[in-house]
Protein backbone atom coordinates (compact mmCIF):
# COMPACT_ATOMS: atom_id res chain seq x y z
CA MET A 1 -9.39 39.44 -43.66
CA PRO A 2 -12.25 38.85 -45.92
CA ILE A 3 -10.78 37.87 -49.00
CA ILE A 4 -9.79 34.74 -49.48
CA VAL A 5 -6.51 32.98 -51.43
CA ASN A 6 -7.82 29.39 -52.52
CA LEU A 7 -4.58 28.83 -54.42
CA ASP A 8 -3.52 26.05 -52.73
CA VAL A 9 -6.66 24.25 -53.60
CA MET A 10 -6.59 24.91 -57.21
CA MET A 11 -2.98 24.02 -57.29
CA ALA A 12 -4.09 20.61 -55.54
CA LYS A 13 -6.67 20.14 -58.41
CA ARG A 14 -4.55 20.40 -61.04
CA LYS A 15 -1.76 18.50 -59.29
CA MET A 16 0.80 21.30 -59.48
CA SER A 17 3.70 22.22 -56.80
CA LEU A 18 4.32 25.73 -55.97
CA ASN A 19 7.75 25.68 -57.76
CA GLU A 20 6.02 24.68 -61.40
CA LEU A 21 3.75 27.15 -60.49
CA SER A 22 5.98 29.29 -59.78
CA GLU A 23 8.29 28.56 -63.04
CA LYS A 24 5.30 28.50 -65.44
CA VAL A 25 4.10 32.17 -63.97
CA ASP A 26 7.38 33.42 -63.96
CA LEU A 27 6.31 34.93 -60.27
CA THR A 28 9.47 34.11 -57.25
CA LEU A 29 9.00 31.51 -55.24
CA SER A 30 8.46 33.83 -52.32
CA ASN A 31 6.01 36.06 -54.20
CA LEU A 32 3.88 33.28 -54.79
CA SER A 33 4.15 31.82 -50.87
CA ILE A 34 3.16 34.99 -49.85
CA LEU A 35 -0.06 34.94 -52.23
CA LYS A 36 -0.54 31.27 -51.55
CA THR A 37 -0.66 31.81 -47.98
CA GLY A 38 -2.88 34.86 -47.77
CA LYS A 39 -0.54 37.13 -46.54
CA ALA A 40 -0.82 39.42 -49.73
CA LYS A 41 -2.30 42.63 -49.26
CA ALA A 42 -2.71 43.44 -53.42
CA ILE A 43 -2.35 41.25 -56.71
CA ARG A 44 -1.65 42.41 -59.88
CA PHE A 45 -4.33 41.77 -63.02
CA THR A 46 -1.20 40.59 -65.00
CA THR A 47 -0.63 37.85 -62.05
CA LEU A 48 -4.03 36.47 -61.53
CA GLU A 49 -4.14 36.55 -65.23
CA ALA A 50 -1.53 34.62 -66.03
CA ILE A 51 -2.15 32.10 -62.62
CA CYS A 52 -5.76 31.35 -63.82
CA LYS A 53 -4.25 30.84 -67.70
CA VAL A 54 -1.60 28.04 -66.45
CA LEU A 55 -4.09 26.39 -63.53
CA GLU A 56 -6.91 26.97 -65.93
CA CYS A 57 -9.32 28.19 -64.17
CA GLN A 58 -11.46 31.73 -63.34
CA PRO A 59 -10.46 34.43 -60.82
CA ALA A 60 -13.08 33.27 -58.64
CA ASP A 61 -11.63 29.76 -58.01
CA ILE A 62 -8.41 31.84 -56.57
CA LEU A 63 -10.70 34.47 -54.98
CA GLU A 64 -13.19 34.23 -52.35
CA TYR A 65 -14.88 36.74 -50.75
CA ARG A 66 -16.44 35.87 -46.84
CA GLY A 67 -18.26 39.13 -45.17
CA LYS A 68 -19.01 39.46 -42.57
């Protein structure tokens, strides 16, 4: 898949655990884990906004396009 999810990188930069992010974003741990591992097929803008707000980053810090 040409869309790479760098959520784990941003979480490491902010020294935040998956559990902590899950609580702050109000998303289940399993759904956040699916997103973090790049197995998600989609993400809602409201979810992306909440993650960016908590991690104090831009969407491009989390999502990356790698074309062929």
